[in-house]
Amino acid sequence: MTVARSNDTLVHALPFGVLPVLGLAVAIALACLLPLPACASGVTVAILPDSGFVSAGSDFTLELWVTEPGDSINAYAAVIEYDPAVLTFLQASPLSLQEGAYMKTACGNTTHNFTSAGDSLVISHVLLCNLLFLPGPGQLYKLRFRASAVPQWTSVRIRSIQFYKAGFFVNPAHASDAAIAIGVPVGVPGPEPKPTETRVKVAPNPCRAAATIVVETAAAGEQKVVVCDLQGRAVRHLDHGAITPGTRRIAWDGRDDAGARLAPGIYRVLVQTPGKSTGARIVLLP
């Protein structure tokens, strides 16, 4: 087994858990010179897109994100799990291309260890900038895969993840995995079945400029579709009126009600009916 560093050197590895932990501890000590109070309440992390359709045999990228503002961090250690019989991991060269923009551009100085073995991708990632901490949201890491030629569903999971701030543990508040449909038909001609509840899907997600919002409505009635920021403020009103049961698609161009391009980040698409709201998260890229 080998451990790849972001400068593309290879070193002989001790059994998993020894070298990554030691390296991470040293890096955190270098990065944080002043003691801070122990720990914070949590970080919300997800693999994005959390669901998606890819063509059989195609290459695609998944991203590890802190998806909402929360407790500040300056390091993390993660193990990502996948099925090597279904997905082939494609390591970037140079390895630094796998580092997410949120970590990589924070101060331009990180330590980054990466191991690929069996069904596991092991990441240690630390900011080496004194007293610089990131509250989220932001992109932590990028992983590229090649799908098998056989149509099927598979998943990419966060087996474990630990965040740190100045050497203290910051635990994940919530971790979300990704479900991938390989070569699975997204629809066929003919009438769509009536949904049993209101559901919301967004594609592509993440998106850079435009996305399609698919709303499956279970019952007739008044309905409002809005895009909100993470503070819950409505930034774009997309649809409002009496709706019949069924499926409809609504285009969103990544802009607010005034026509201005929204800042990159995490937003929520909310479908509001009397007494209930249903939503889906969407990541707007630069």
C-alpha atoms as a PDB file:
ATOM      1  CA  MET A   1       0.000   0.000   0.000  1.00  0.00           C
ATOM      2  CA  THR A   2       1.236   3.512  -0.718  1.00  0.00           C
ATOM      3  CA  VAL A   3       0.348   6.944   0.499  1.00  0.00           C
ATOM      4  CA  ALA A   4       0.292   9.709  -2.097  1.00  0.00           C
ATOM      5  CA  ARG A   5       1.076  13.246  -1.084  1.00  0.00           C
ATOM      6  CA  SER A   6      -0.009  16.369  -2.890  1.00  0.00           C
ATOM      7  CA  ASN A   7       3.503  16.891  -4.236  1.00  0.00           C
ATOM      8  CA  ASP A   8       3.186  13.482  -5.946  1.00  0.00           C
ATOM      9  CA  THR A   9       5.828  11.753  -3.789  1.00  0.00           C
ATOM     10  CA  LEU A  10       5.139   8.216  -2.614  1.00  0.00           C
ATOM     11  CA  VAL A  11       6.096   6.844   0.777  1.00  0.00           C
ATOM     12  CA  HIS A  12       5.819   3.392   2.280  1.00  0.00           C
ATOM     13  CA  ALA A  13       2.771   3.278   4.541  1.00  0.00           C
ATOM     14  CA  LEU A  14       2.265   1.771   7.959  1.00  0.00           C
ATOM     15  CA  PRO A  15      -1.052  -0.015   8.520  1.00  0.00           C
ATOM     16  CA  PHE A  16      -4.042   2.271   8.152  1.00  0.00           C
ATOM     17  CA  GLY A  17      -4.583   4.546  11.109  1.00  0.00           C
ATOM     18  CA  VAL A  18      -0.924   4.959  12.092  1.00  0.00           C
ATOM     19  CA  LEU A  19       0.732   7.221   9.544  1.00  0.00           C
ATOM     20  CA  PRO A  20      -2.349   9.312   8.639  1.00  0.00           C
ATOM     21  CA  VAL A  21      -3.116   9.998  12.315  1.00  0.00           C
ATOM     22  CA  LEU A  22       0.481  10.850  13.171  1.00  0.00           C
ATOM     23  CA  GLY A  23       0.824  13.104  10.137  1.00  0.00           C
ATOM     24  CA  LEU A  24      -2.458  14.804  10.884  1.00  0.00           C
ATOM     25  CA  ALA A  25      -1.520  15.436  14.510  1.00  0.00           C
ATOM     26  CA  VAL A  26       1.815  17.002  13.513  1.00  0.00           C
ATOM     27  CA  ALA A  27       0.166  19.175  10.877  1.00  0.00           C
ATOM     28  CA  ILE A  28      -2.481  20.414  13.313  1.00  0.00           C
ATOM     29  CA  ALA A  29       0.202  21.281  15.836  1.00  0.00           C
ATOM     30  CA  LEU A  30       2.048  23.309  13.216  1.00  0.00           C
ATOM     31  CA  ALA A  31      -1.108  25.028  12.049  1.00  0.00           C
ATOM     32  CA  CYS A  32      -2.411  26.076  15.467  1.00  0.00           C
ATOM     33  CA  LEU A  33       0.020  27.795  17.792  1.00  0.00           C
ATOM     34  CA  LEU A  34      -2.432  29.044  20.411  1.00  0.00           C
ATOM     35  CA  PRO A  35      -4.665  26.795  22.530  1.00  0.00           C
ATOM     36  CA  LEU A  36      -8.393  27.251  22.035  1.00  0.00           C
ATOM     37  CA  PRO A  37     -11.338  25.944  24.047  1.00  0.00           C
ATOM     38  CA  ALA A  38     -12.455  22.414  23.207  1.00  0.00           C
ATOM     39  CA  CYS A  39     -14.745  21.686  20.823  1.00  0.00           C
ATOM     40  CA  ALA A  40     -17.582  22.718  18.857  1.00  0.00           C
ATOM     41  CA  SER A  41     -20.974  21.221  18.202  1.00  0.00           C
ATOM     42  CA  GLY A  42     -20.749  20.028  14.626  1.00  0.00           C
ATOM     43  CA  VAL A  43     -20.237  20.287  10.890  1.00  0.00           C
ATOM     44  CA  THR A  44     -22.705  19.262   8.182  1.00  0.00           C
ATOM     45  CA  VAL A  45     -20.927  17.376   5.409  1.00  0.00           C
ATOM     46  CA  ALA A  46     -22.121  15.630   2.252  1.00  0.00           C
ATOM     47  CA  ILE A  47     -20.961  13.991  -0.957  1.00  0.00           C
ATOM     48  CA  LEU A  48     -22.438  15.981  -3.849  1.00  0.00           C
ATOM     49  CA  PRO A  49     -24.354  15.443  -5.962  1.00  0.00           C
ATOM     50  CA  ASP A  50     -26.155  13.281  -3.409  1.00  0.00           C
ATOM     51  CA  SER A  51     -27.954  11.513  -6.250  1.00  0.00           C
ATOM     52  CA  GLY A  52     -27.434  11.440  -9.983  1.00  0.00           C
ATOM     53  CA  PHE A  53     -27.592   9.570 -13.269  1.00  0.00           C
ATOM     54  CA  VAL A  54     -24.450   8.767 -15.280  1.00  0.00           C
ATOM     55  CA  SER A  55     -23.959   6.889 -18.524  1.00  0.00           C
ATOM     56  CA  ALA A  56     -22.512   3.376 -18.431  1.00  0.00           C
ATOM     57  CA  GLY A  57     -18.730   3.508 -18.848  1.00  0.00           C
ATOM     58  CA  SER A  58     -18.569   7.292 -18.355  1.00  0.00           C
ATOM     59  CA  ASP A  59     -16.352   9.345 -16.039  1.00  0.00           C
ATOM     60  CA  PHE A  60     -17.891  11.568 -13.381  1.00  0.00           C
ATOM     61  CA  THR A  61     -16.799  13.621 -10.367  1.00  0.00           C
ATOM     62  CA  LEU A  62     -18.149  13.645  -6.822  1.00  0.00           C
ATOM     63  CA  GLU A  63     -17.290  16.382  -4.342  1.00  0.00           C
ATOM     64  CA  LEU A  64     -17.013  16.411  -0.550  1.00  0.00           C
ATOM     65  CA  TRP A  65     -18.650  19.586   0.798  1.00  0.00           C
ATOM     66  CA  VAL A  66     -19.366  21.336   4.043  1.00  0.00           C
ATOM     67  CA  THR A  67     -22.896  22.209   3.006  1.00  0.00           C
ATOM     68  CA  GLU A  68     -24.014  24.706   5.655  1.00  0.00           C
ATOM     69  CA  PRO A  69     -22.425  27.339   7.913  1.00  0.00           C
ATOM     70  CA  GLY A  70     -21.419  25.802  11.202  1.00  0.00           C
ATOM     71  CA  ASP A  71     -18.512  25.313  13.557  1.00  0.00           C
ATOM     72  CA  SER A  72     -15.140  26.382  12.186  1.00  0.00           C
ATOM     73  CA  ILE A  73     -12.479  23.847  11.238  1.00  0.00           C
ATOM     74  CA  ASN A  74      -8.920  23.789   9.959  1.00  0.00           C
ATOM     75  CA  ALA A  75      -8.461  20.044   9.332  1.00  0.00           C
ATOM     76  CA  TYR A  76     -10.288  16.811   8.679  1.00  0.00           C
ATOM     77  CA  ALA A  77      -9.607  13.115   8.166  1.00  0.00           C
ATOM     78  CA  ALA A  78     -12.056  11.070   6.103  1.00  0.00           C
ATOM     79  CA  VAL A  79     -12.551   7.573   4.731  1.00  0.00           C
ATOM     80  CA  ILE A  80     -14.726   7.356   1.611  1.00  0.00           C
ATOM     81  CA  GLU A  81     -16.111   3.938   0.648  1.00  0.00           C
ATOM     82  CA  TYR A  82     -17.208   2.700  -2.798  1.00  0.00           C
ATOM     83  CA  ASP A  83     -17.733  -0.591  -4.648  1.00  0.00           C
ATOM     84  CA  PRO A  84     -14.633  -1.278  -6.810  1.00  0.00           C
ATOM     85  CA  ALA A  85     -16.603  -3.877  -8.780  1.00  0.00           C
ATOM     86  CA  VAL A  86     -18.886  -1.090 -10.017  1.00  0.00           C
ATOM     87  CA  LEU A  87     -16.705   2.045  -9.915  1.00  0.00           C
ATOM     88  CA  THR A  88     -13.058   2.600 -10.823  1.00  0.00           C
ATOM     89  CA  PHE A  89     -11.356   5.412  -8.949  1.00  0.00           C
ATOM     90  CA  LEU A  90      -9.328   7.757 -11.196  1.00  0.00           C
ATOM     91  CA  GLN A  91      -6.579   9.457  -9.208  1.00  0.00           C
ATOM     92  CA  ALA A  92      -5.707  12.961 -10.360  1.00  0.00           C
ATOM     93  CA  SER A  93      -2.207  13.918 -11.446  1.00  0.00           C
ATOM     94  CA  PRO A  94      -0.914  15.999  -9.818  1.00  0.00           C
ATOM     95  CA  LEU A  95      -2.699  14.889  -6.673  1.00  0.00           C
ATOM     96  CA  SER A  96      -3.284  18.509  -5.654  1.00  0.00           C
ATOM     97  CA  LEU A  97      -6.070  18.644  -8.278  1.00  0.00           C
ATOM     98  CA  GLN A  98      -8.180  16.591  -5.857  1.00  0.00           C
ATOM     99  CA  GLU A  99      -8.052  19.306  -3.191  1.00  0.00           C
ATOM    100  CA  GLY A 100     -11.258  21.316  -2.949  1.00  0.00           C
ATOM    101  CA  ALA A 101     -11.223  25.046  -3.612  1.00  0.00           C
ATOM    102  CA  TYR A 102     -12.367  25.903  -0.074  1.00  0.00           C
ATOM    103  CA  MET A 103      -9.267  24.338   1.486  1.00  0.00           C
ATOM    104  CA  LYS A 104      -6.816  24.995  -1.338  1.00  0.00           C
ATOM    105  CA  THR A 105      -7.416  28.735  -1.706  1.00  0.00           C
ATOM    106  CA  ALA A 106      -7.979  29.617   1.958  1.00  0.00           C
ATOM    107  CA  CYS A 107      -4.349  30.613   2.449  1.00  0.00           C
ATOM    108  CA  GLY A 108      -2.427  28.675  -0.205  1.00  0.00           C
ATOM    109  CA  ASN A 109      -0.721  26.353   2.269  1.00  0.00           C
ATOM    110  CA  THR A 110      -2.043  22.876   3.110  1.00  0.00           C
ATOM    111  CA  THR A 111      -0.741  19.456   3.984  1.00  0.00           C
ATOM    112  CA  HIS A 112      -2.533  16.700   2.134  1.00  0.00           C
ATOM    113  CA  ASN A 113      -2.144  12.933   2.366  1.00  0.00           C
ATOM    114  CA  PHE A 114      -4.182  10.504   0.286  1.00  0.00           C
ATOM    115  CA  THR A 115      -4.382   6.711   0.151  1.00  0.00           C
ATOM    116  CA  SER A 116      -6.339   4.518  -2.252  1.00  0.00           C
ATOM    117  CA  ALA A 117      -6.637   0.855  -1.303  1.00  0.00           C
ATOM    118  CA  GLY A 118      -9.368  -1.709  -1.954  1.00  0.00           C
ATOM    119  CA  ASP A 119     -12.755  -0.079  -1.472  1.00  0.00           C
ATOM    120  CA  SER A 120     -11.446   2.864   0.551  1.00  0.00           C
ATOM    121  CA  LEU A 121     -10.133   6.348  -0.157  1.00  0.00           C
ATOM    122  CA  VAL A 122      -8.379   7.827   2.881  1.00  0.00           C
ATOM    123  CA  ILE A 123      -7.902  11.609   3.071  1.00  0.00           C
ATOM    124  CA  SER A 124      -5.987  13.762   5.562  1.00  0.00           C
ATOM    125  CA  HIS A 125      -6.235  17.466   4.819  1.00  0.00           C
ATOM    126  CA  VAL A 126      -4.977  20.352   6.980  1.00  0.00           C
ATOM    127  CA  LEU A 127      -4.685  24.137   6.647  1.00  0.00           C
ATOM    128  CA  LEU A 128      -1.196  25.293   7.642  1.00  0.00           C
ATOM    129  CA  CYS A 129      -2.167  28.875   8.411  1.00  0.00           C
ATOM    130  CA  ASN A 130      -2.014  30.168  11.963  1.00  0.00           C
ATOM    131  CA  LEU A 131      -5.450  30.935  13.451  1.00  0.00           C
ATOM    132  CA  LEU A 132      -7.290  30.519  10.145  1.00  0.00           C
ATOM    133  CA  PHE A 133     -10.503  28.506  10.471  1.00  0.00           C
ATOM    134  CA  LEU A 134     -13.259  27.838   7.949  1.00  0.00           C
ATOM    135  CA  PRO A 135     -16.948  27.987   8.987  1.00  0.00           C
ATOM    136  CA  GLY A 136     -18.440  26.619   5.736  1.00  0.00           C
ATOM    137  CA  PRO A 137     -20.034  26.157   3.346  1.00  0.00           C
ATOM    138  CA  GLY A 138     -17.378  25.113   0.862  1.00  0.00           C
ATOM    139  CA  GLN A 139     -15.819  22.391  -1.282  1.00  0.00           C
ATOM    140  CA  LEU A 140     -13.347  20.186   0.628  1.00  0.00           C
ATOM    141  CA  TYR A 141     -12.330  17.535  -1.891  1.00  0.00           C
ATOM    142  CA  LYS A 142     -12.933  16.117  -5.401  1.00  0.00           C
ATOM    143  CA  LEU A 143     -13.016  12.453  -6.433  1.00  0.00           C
ATOM    144  CA  ARG A 144     -13.291  11.180 -10.004  1.00  0.00           C
ATOM    145  CA  PHE A 145     -14.687   7.760 -10.921  1.00  0.00           C
ATOM    146  CA  ARG A 146     -15.387   5.680 -14.008  1.00  0.00           C
ATOM    147  CA  ALA A 147     -18.716   3.853 -14.051  1.00  0.00           C
ATOM    148  CA  SER A 148     -19.037   0.214 -15.026  1.00  0.00           C
ATOM    149  CA  ALA A 149     -20.577  -0.803 -18.342  1.00  0.00           C
ATOM    150  CA  VAL A 150     -23.434  -2.605 -16.579  1.00  0.00           C
ATOM    151  CA  PRO A 151     -26.554  -0.543 -15.718  1.00  0.00           C
ATOM    152  CA  GLN A 152     -27.126  -0.590 -11.960  1.00  0.00           C
ATOM    153  CA  TRP A 153     -27.376   1.516  -8.822  1.00  0.00           C
ATOM    154  CA  THR A 154     -24.427   2.035  -6.503  1.00  0.00           C
ATOM    155  CA  SER A 155     -23.376   4.341  -3.683  1.00  0.00           C
ATOM    156  CA  VAL A 156     -20.348   6.289  -2.509  1.00  0.00           C
ATOM    157  CA  ARG A 157     -20.357   6.563   1.278  1.00  0.00           C
ATOM    158  CA  ILE A 158     -18.638   8.528   4.010  1.00  0.00           C
ATOM    159  CA  ARG A 159     -17.470   5.605   6.115  1.00  0.00           C
ATOM    160  CA  SER A 160     -15.935   7.923   8.697  1.00  0.00           C
ATOM    161  CA  ILE A 161     -14.998  11.573   9.005  1.00  0.00           C
ATOM    162  CA  GLN A 162     -13.483  13.628  11.815  1.00  0.00           C
ATOM    163  CA  PHE A 163     -13.055  17.410  11.809  1.00  0.00           C
ATOM    164  CA  TYR A 164     -10.563  19.393  13.881  1.00  0.00           C
ATOM    165  CA  LYS A 165     -10.097  22.949  15.089  1.00  0.00           C
ATOM    166  CA  ALA A 166      -6.739  23.815  16.625  1.00  0.00           C
ATOM    167  CA  GLY A 167      -6.250  20.153  17.500  1.00  0.00           C
ATOM    168  CA  PHE A 168      -9.638  19.714  19.164  1.00  0.00           C
ATOM    169  CA  PHE A 169     -12.317  17.389  17.829  1.00  0.00           C
ATOM    170  CA  VAL A 170     -15.255  18.912  15.952  1.00  0.00           C
ATOM    171  CA  ASN A 171     -17.770  16.192  15.232  1.00  0.00           C
ATOM    172  CA  PRO A 172     -19.956  15.989  12.145  1.00  0.00           C
ATOM    173  CA  ALA A 173     -23.523  17.058  12.853  1.00  0.00           C
ATOM    174  CA  HIS A 174     -24.760  15.234   9.778  1.00  0.00           C
ATOM    175  CA  ALA A 175     -23.068  13.279   6.968  1.00  0.00           C
ATOM    176  CA  SER A 176     -24.821  12.448   3.679  1.00  0.00           C
ATOM    177  CA  ASP A 177     -23.780   9.851   1.106  1.00  0.00           C
ATOM    178  CA  ALA A 178     -24.301   9.747  -2.674  1.00  0.00           C
ATOM    179  CA  ALA A 179     -26.479   7.357  -4.704  1.00  0.00           C
ATOM    180  CA  ILE A 180     -25.476   6.895  -8.353  1.00  0.00           C
ATOM    181  CA  ALA A 181     -27.620   5.392 -11.117  1.00  0.00           C
ATOM    182  CA  ILE A 182     -25.416   3.972 -13.896  1.00  0.00           C
ATOM    183  CA  GLY A 183     -27.120   3.680 -17.276  1.00  0.00           C
ATOM    184  CA  VAL A 184     -30.534   3.576 -15.642  1.00  0.00           C
ATOM    185  CA  PRO A 185     -33.270   5.108 -17.826  1.00  0.00           C
ATOM    186  CA  VAL A 186     -34.523   8.369 -16.331  1.00  0.00           C
ATOM    187  CA  GLY A 187     -37.921   8.045 -17.987  1.00  0.00           C
ATOM    188  CA  VAL A 188     -39.937   6.484 -20.801  1.00  0.00           C
ATOM    189  CA  PRO A 189     -42.668   7.888 -23.006  1.00  0.00           C
ATOM    190  CA  GLY A 190     -46.197   7.702 -21.655  1.00  0.00           C
ATOM    191  CA  PRO A 191     -48.077   8.953 -18.615  1.00  0.00           C
ATOM    192  CA  GLU A 192     -46.163   9.291 -15.361  1.00  0.00           C
ATOM    193  CA  PRO A 193     -47.544   7.543 -12.268  1.00  0.00           C
ATOM    194  CA  LYS A 194     -49.334   9.717  -9.765  1.00  0.00           C
ATOM    195  CA  PRO A 195     -47.031  10.484  -6.816  1.00  0.00           C
ATOM    196  CA  THR A 196     -48.154   9.560  -3.321  1.00  0.00           C
ATOM    197  CA  GLU A 197     -46.532  12.635  -1.717  1.00  0.00           C
ATOM    198  CA  THR A 198     -44.984  15.921  -2.775  1.00  0.00           C
ATOM    199  CA  ARG A 199     -41.327  15.481  -3.736  1.00  0.00           C
ATOM    200  CA  VAL A 200     -38.646  17.796  -5.115  1.00  0.00           C
ATOM    201  CA  LYS A 201     -35.618  16.941  -7.275  1.00  0.00           C
ATOM    202  CA  VAL A 202     -33.015  19.250  -8.813  1.00  0.00           C
ATOM    203  CA  ALA A 203     -30.715  18.494 -11.761  1.00  0.00           C
ATOM    204  CA  PRO A 204     -27.936  19.058 -12.461  1.00  0.00           C
ATOM    205  CA  ASN A 205     -26.760  19.455  -8.904  1.00  0.00           C
ATOM    206  CA  PRO A 206     -24.291  21.107  -8.398  1.00  0.00           C
ATOM    207  CA  CYS A 207     -24.983  23.532 -11.246  1.00  0.00           C
ATOM    208  CA  ARG A 208     -23.159  26.568 -12.610  1.00  0.00           C
ATOM    209  CA  ALA A 209     -25.869  28.592 -14.324  1.00  0.00           C
ATOM    210  CA  ALA A 210     -29.164  26.777 -14.703  1.00  0.00           C
ATOM    211  CA  ALA A 211     -31.046  23.853 -13.223  1.00  0.00           C
ATOM    212  CA  THR A 212     -34.361  22.086 -13.650  1.00  0.00           C
ATOM    213  CA  ILE A 213     -36.566  21.651 -10.598  1.00  0.00           C
ATOM    214  CA  VAL A 214     -38.866  18.621 -10.807  1.00  0.00           C
ATOM    215  CA  VAL A 215     -41.878  18.815  -8.490  1.00  0.00           C
ATOM    216  CA  GLU A 216     -44.026  15.727  -7.988  1.00  0.00           C
ATOM    217  CA  THR A 217     -47.329  16.843  -6.485  1.00  0.00           C
ATOM    218  CA  ALA A 218     -49.582  14.368  -4.683  1.00  0.00           C
ATOM    219  CA  ALA A 219     -52.736  16.462  -4.232  1.00  0.00           C
ATOM    220  CA  ALA A 220     -54.399  19.475  -5.803  1.00  0.00           C
ATOM    221  CA  GLY A 221     -54.178  22.817  -4.047  1.00  0.00           C
ATOM    222  CA  GLU A 222     -52.227  26.018  -3.615  1.00  0.00           C
ATOM    223  CA  GLN A 223     -48.481  25.659  -3.976  1.00  0.00           C
ATOM    224  CA  LYS A 224     -45.525  28.032  -3.948  1.00  0.00           C
ATOM    225  CA  VAL A 225     -41.994  27.234  -5.200  1.00  0.00           C
ATOM    226  CA  VAL A 226     -39.180  29.475  -3.942  1.00  0.00           C
ATOM    227  CA  VAL A 227     -35.387  29.421  -3.740  1.00  0.00           C
ATOM    228  CA  CYS A 228     -34.029  30.387  -0.318  1.00  0.00           C
ATOM    229  CA  ASP A 229     -30.569  31.113   1.036  1.00  0.00           C
ATOM    230  CA  LEU A 230     -29.183  29.348   4.095  1.00  0.00           C
ATOM    231  CA  GLN A 231     -30.689  32.004   6.366  1.00  0.00           C
ATOM    232  CA  GLY A 232     -34.127  31.042   5.084  1.00  0.00           C
ATOM    233  CA  ARG A 233     -34.663  34.227   3.065  1.00  0.00           C
ATOM    234  CA  ALA A 234     -36.527  33.820  -0.236  1.00  0.00           C
ATOM    235  CA  VAL A 235     -34.241  35.023  -3.040  1.00  0.00           C
ATOM    236  CA  ARG A 236     -36.249  33.798  -6.027  1.00  0.00           C
ATOM    237  CA  HIS A 237     -39.985  33.145  -6.397  1.00  0.00           C
ATOM    238  CA  LEU A 238     -40.438  30.593  -9.185  1.00  0.00           C
ATOM    239  CA  ASP A 239     -44.082  29.506  -9.133  1.00  0.00           C
ATOM    240  CA  HIS A 240     -47.291  30.239  -7.223  1.00  0.00           C
ATOM    241  CA  GLY A 241     -50.868  29.116  -7.782  1.00  0.00           C
ATOM    242  CA  ALA A 242     -53.335  26.257  -7.844  1.00  0.00           C
ATOM    243  CA  ILE A 243     -51.693  22.972  -8.866  1.00  0.00           C
ATOM    244  CA  THR A 244     -53.178  19.663  -9.976  1.00  0.00           C
ATOM    245  CA  PRO A 245     -51.588  16.317  -9.034  1.00  0.00           C
ATOM    246  CA  GLY A 246     -48.726  15.169 -11.232  1.00  0.00           C
ATOM    247  CA  THR A 247     -45.178  16.053 -12.214  1.00  0.00           C
ATOM    248  CA  ARG A 248     -43.988  19.385 -13.550  1.00  0.00           C
ATOM    249  CA  ARG A 249     -40.597  20.897 -14.349  1.00  0.00           C
ATOM    250  CA  ILE A 250     -39.537  24.443 -13.489  1.00  0.00           C
ATOM    251  CA  ALA A 251     -36.408  26.103 -14.896  1.00  0.00           C
ATOM    252  CA  TRP A 252     -34.165  28.218 -12.670  1.00  0.00           C
ATOM    253  CA  ASP A 253     -31.370  30.330 -14.133  1.00  0.00           C
ATOM    254  CA  GLY A 254     -29.366  30.832 -10.946  1.00  0.00           C
ATOM    255  CA  ARG A 255     -30.622  34.406 -10.514  1.00  0.00           C
ATOM    256  CA  ASP A 256     -32.638  36.245  -7.866  1.00  0.00           C
ATOM    257  CA  ASP A 257     -35.947  38.059  -8.276  1.00  0.00           C
ATOM    258  CA  ALA A 258     -34.156  41.190  -9.510  1.00  0.00           C
ATOM    259  CA  GLY A 259     -32.366  39.236 -12.247  1.00  0.00           C
ATOM    260  CA  ALA A 260     -28.945  39.362 -10.575  1.00  0.00           C
ATOM    261  CA  ARG A 261     -26.691  36.317 -10.568  1.00  0.00           C
ATOM    262  CA  LEU A 262     -26.660  34.766  -7.086  1.00  0.00           C
ATOM    263  CA  ALA A 263     -23.382  34.186  -5.280  1.00  0.00           C
ATOM    264  CA  PRO A 264     -21.979  30.637  -5.379  1.00  0.00           C
ATOM    265  CA  GLY A 265     -23.050  28.558  -2.408  1.00  0.00           C
ATOM    266  CA  ILE A 266     -25.751  26.325  -0.985  1.00  0.00           C
ATOM    267  CA  TYR A 267     -29.423  27.142  -1.540  1.00  0.00           C
ATOM    268  CA  ARG A 268     -32.726  25.435  -0.768  1.00  0.00           C
ATOM    269  CA  VAL A 269     -35.592  24.929  -3.192  1.00  0.00           C
ATOM    270  CA  LEU A 270     -38.779  24.923  -1.118  1.00  0.00           C
ATOM    271  CA  VAL A 271     -42.194  23.756  -2.265  1.00  0.00           C
ATOM    272  CA  GLN A 272     -44.725  25.229   0.145  1.00  0.00           C
ATOM    273  CA  THR A 273     -48.279  23.933   0.505  1.00  0.00           C
ATOM    274  CA  PRO A 274     -50.765  24.830   3.254  1.00  0.00           C
ATOM    275  CA  GLY A 275     -49.328  23.509   6.487  1.00  0.00           C
ATOM    276  CA  LYS A 276     -46.259  21.848   4.961  1.00  0.00           C
ATOM    277  CA  SER A 277     -42.962  22.560   3.173  1.00  0.00           C
ATOM    278  CA  THR A 278     -40.829  20.127   1.170  1.00  0.00           C
ATOM    279  CA  GLY A 279     -37.358  21.016  -0.018  1.00  0.00           C
ATOM    280  CA  ALA A 280     -34.195  20.015  -1.812  1.00  0.00           C
ATOM    281  CA  ARG A 281     -30.670  21.360  -1.511  1.00  0.00           C
ATOM    282  CA  ILE A 282     -28.874  22.809  -4.548  1.00  0.00           C
ATOM    283  CA  VAL A 283     -25.228  23.863  -4.879  1.00  0.00           C
ATOM    284  CA  LEU A 284     -24.573  26.851  -7.138  1.00  0.00           C
ATOM    285  CA  LEU A 285     -20.999  26.758  -8.430  1.00  0.00           C
ATOM    286  CA  PRO A 286     -18.895  29.785  -9.516  1.00  0.00           C
END
